[in-house]
Structure formats: structure tokens, C-alpha cells
Amino acid sequence: APGVHQLASLLVELDTSDEASQILCADALYQMGCVEEAHKLLLLALSGNPQRSPILARLALLQLKKGFMYDGNQLLKKVIRIGDTSCLLPIMDIFKDEDRKLMQTLCHFRALTILKDKQED
């Protein structure tokens, strides 16, 4: 993770608008346990494009990790509304085991809520 972070940081310096480098850098920071720095970098990346599901999903995990369940849930709702949930599965490989379980549990409960609401309608 430290080597990946150094490389991604250099790429971000070369092109501050490169979203892929920002995400890679944030993922490396997350892996190194620098959650606040990863959060700041993702917020910066999100300011360029507020509808990017891969960034929103990562922010949701960081909010959940910090214990902000409501905020994490709102971010996941936004990912679902955008309709691009394909980013969730590949991101799960990046998450640490305890965070993966947290995200899976929240997504499972959110999916059940959506299904219940649709059945009631």
C-alpha cells in the first residue's frame, strides 16, 4: 500500500483532475489506515463529479467505518438512485474484512427495505 500510495500521489500531482489516480490514492490511504486522509481525497474527487458511484460507495464505507450510519446510508441511497451499482462488487476486494462485512450487512438490509417498499406499492 505505501508504494501504491506514492505512485498514485505522483499521478495526482501530474494531473489533479485524474479521477482514477485519486481513487487509487484514496484506496492506498485506506489500506494504510489513514481514513481521514482518504476521506478528504475522495471529497475532493467528488467535487469534480458529484454523481460518481465508485467515489460515493467508498465515502459510504468510510462514513460507516466512523460510525456515521445515517450518512453512510444516504450515500448508498445516492449510489442506488444513480443506478450504477456495478462498482460495489469490485470495491469489496479493496475493503478490509471487518469493513466488507459492515458494508455487506448494510447493503443487504437496504436491499430488503427497497424490496419491501416495492411490494407494498
Protein backbone atom coordinates (compact mmCIF):
# COMPACT_ATOMS: atom_id res chain seq x y z
CA ALA A 1 0.00 0.00 0.00
CA PRO A 2 2.76 2.57 0.72
CA GLY A 3 4.29 2.06 -2.74
CA VAL A 4 0.90 2.29 -4.41
CA HIS A 5 0.19 5.46 -2.45
CA GLN A 6 3.47 7.05 -3.57
CA LEU A 7 2.81 6.18 -7.20
CA ALA A 8 -0.81 7.36 -7.07
CA SER A 9 0.25 10.59 -5.33
CA LEU A 10 2.70 11.29 -8.14
CA LEU A 11 0.00 10.64 -10.72
CA VAL A 12 -2.36 13.01 -8.90
CA GLU A 13 0.35 15.68 -8.86
CA LEU A 14 0.79 15.29 -12.61
CA ASP A 15 -2.92 15.59 -13.29
CA THR A 16 -5.07 16.79 -10.39
CA SER A 17 -8.25 16.05 -12.35
CA ASP A 18 -7.41 12.36 -12.90
CA GLU A 19 -10.17 10.61 -11.00
CA ALA A 20 -8.65 7.13 -11.30
CA SER A 21 -5.42 8.30 -9.64
CA GLN A 22 -7.38 10.00 -6.87
CA ILE A 23 -9.35 6.82 -6.21
CA LEU A 24 -6.19 4.69 -6.27
CA CYS A 25 -4.52 7.07 -3.84
CA ALA A 26 -7.57 7.02 -1.53
CA ASP A 27 -7.68 3.21 -1.63
CA ALA A 28 -4.00 3.05 -0.66
CA LEU A 29 -4.56 5.52 2.19
CA TYR A 30 -7.48 3.39 3.38
CA GLN A 31 -5.32 0.25 3.30
CA MET A 32 -2.65 2.04 5.35
CA GLY A 33 -5.26 3.05 7.95
CA CYS A 34 -5.28 6.76 7.02
CA VAL A 35 -9.06 7.00 6.91
CA GLU A 36 -9.33 10.79 7.36
CA GLU A 37 -6.85 11.48 4.54
CA ALA A 38 -8.67 9.04 2.26
CA HIS A 39 -11.97 10.75 3.12
CA LYS A 40 -10.59 14.20 2.26
CA LEU A 41 -9.18 12.98 -1.05
CA LEU A 42 -12.48 11.33 -2.01
CA LEU A 43 -14.40 14.51 -1.18
CA LEU A 44 -12.04 16.42 -3.43
CA ALA A 45 -12.57 13.88 -6.24
CA LEU A 46 -16.32 14.07 -5.71
CA SER A 47 -16.34 17.85 -6.07
CA GLY A 48 -15.36 17.38 -9.72
CA ASN A 49 -18.21 14.97 -10.42
CA PRO A 50 -20.86 14.56 -7.68
CA GLN A 51 -22.56 11.63 -9.46
CA ARG A 52 -19.66 9.15 -9.44
CA SER A 53 -20.78 5.90 -7.83
CA PRO A 54 -17.26 4.50 -7.16
CA ILE A 55 -16.41 7.58 -5.11
CA LEU A 56 -19.77 7.67 -3.33
CA ALA A 57 -19.51 3.98 -2.41
CA ARG A 58 -16.04 4.48 -0.94
CA LEU A 59 -17.26 7.51 1.00
CA ALA A 60 -20.17 5.42 2.30
CA LEU A 61 -17.75 2.83 3.66
CA LEU A 62 -15.64 5.48 5.37
CA GLN A 63 -18.75 7.02 6.95
CA LEU A 64 -19.86 3.59 8.18
CA LYS A 65 -16.38 2.89 9.50
CA LYS A 66 -16.51 6.13 11.50
CA GLY A 67 -19.90 5.11 12.91
CA PHE A 68 -21.98 7.55 10.86
CA MET A 69 -24.64 5.05 9.80
CA TYR A 70 -27.13 7.65 8.59
CA ASP A 71 -24.55 9.39 6.38
CA GLY A 72 -23.30 6.07 5.01
CA ASN A 73 -26.86 5.00 4.27
CA GLN A 74 -27.61 8.28 2.47
CA LEU A 75 -24.54 7.83 0.26
CA LEU A 76 -25.58 4.28 -0.60
CA LYS A 77 -29.07 5.53 -1.45
CA LYS A 78 -27.49 8.02 -3.83
CA VAL A 79 -25.46 5.23 -5.49
CA ILE A 80 -28.67 3.23 -5.92
CA ARG A 81 -30.57 6.25 -7.32
CA ILE A 82 -27.79 6.88 -9.83
CA GLY A 83 -28.25 3.28 -10.93
CA ASP A 84 -24.58 2.37 -11.20
CA THR A 85 -24.16 -0.26 -8.50
CA SER A 86 -21.68 -2.24 -10.57
CA CYS A 87 -18.88 -0.50 -8.66
CA LEU A 88 -19.82 -2.17 -5.37
CA LEU A 89 -18.55 -5.67 -6.09
CA PRO A 90 -15.02 -4.71 -7.23
CA ILE A 91 -14.70 -2.32 -4.30
CA MET A 92 -15.40 -5.17 -1.89
CA ASP A 93 -12.00 -6.65 -2.82
CA ILE A 94 -10.31 -3.49 -1.54
CA PHE A 95 -12.14 -3.38 1.80
CA LYS A 96 -10.71 -5.00 4.90
CA ASP A 97 -12.70 -8.00 6.15
CA GLU A 98 -14.46 -6.20 9.00
CA ASP A 99 -15.39 -3.29 6.71
CA ARG A 100 -16.56 -5.66 3.98
CA LYS A 101 -18.92 -7.34 6.46
CA LEU A 102 -20.20 -3.96 7.61
CA MET A 103 -20.90 -2.85 4.04
CA GLN A 104 -22.48 -6.18 3.06
CA THR A 105 -24.79 -6.06 6.07
CA LEU A 106 -25.89 -2.50 5.36
CA CYS A 107 -26.40 -3.20 1.63
CA HIS A 108 -28.38 -6.34 2.44
CA PHE A 109 -30.69 -4.50 4.83
CA ARG A 110 -31.07 -1.61 2.36
CA ALA A 111 -31.96 -4.05 -0.45
CA LEU A 112 -34.57 -5.74 1.74
CA THR A 113 -36.10 -2.35 2.57
CA ILE A 114 -36.32 -1.46 -1.12
CA LEU A 115 -37.96 -4.80 -1.94
CA LYS A 116 -40.47 -4.40 0.91
CA ASP A 117 -41.35 -0.89 -0.24
CA LYS A 118 -41.91 -2.10 -3.80
CA GLN A 119 -44.12 -4.95 -2.62
CA GLU A 120 -46.23 -2.56 -0.58
CA ASP A 121 -46.64 -0.27 -3.60
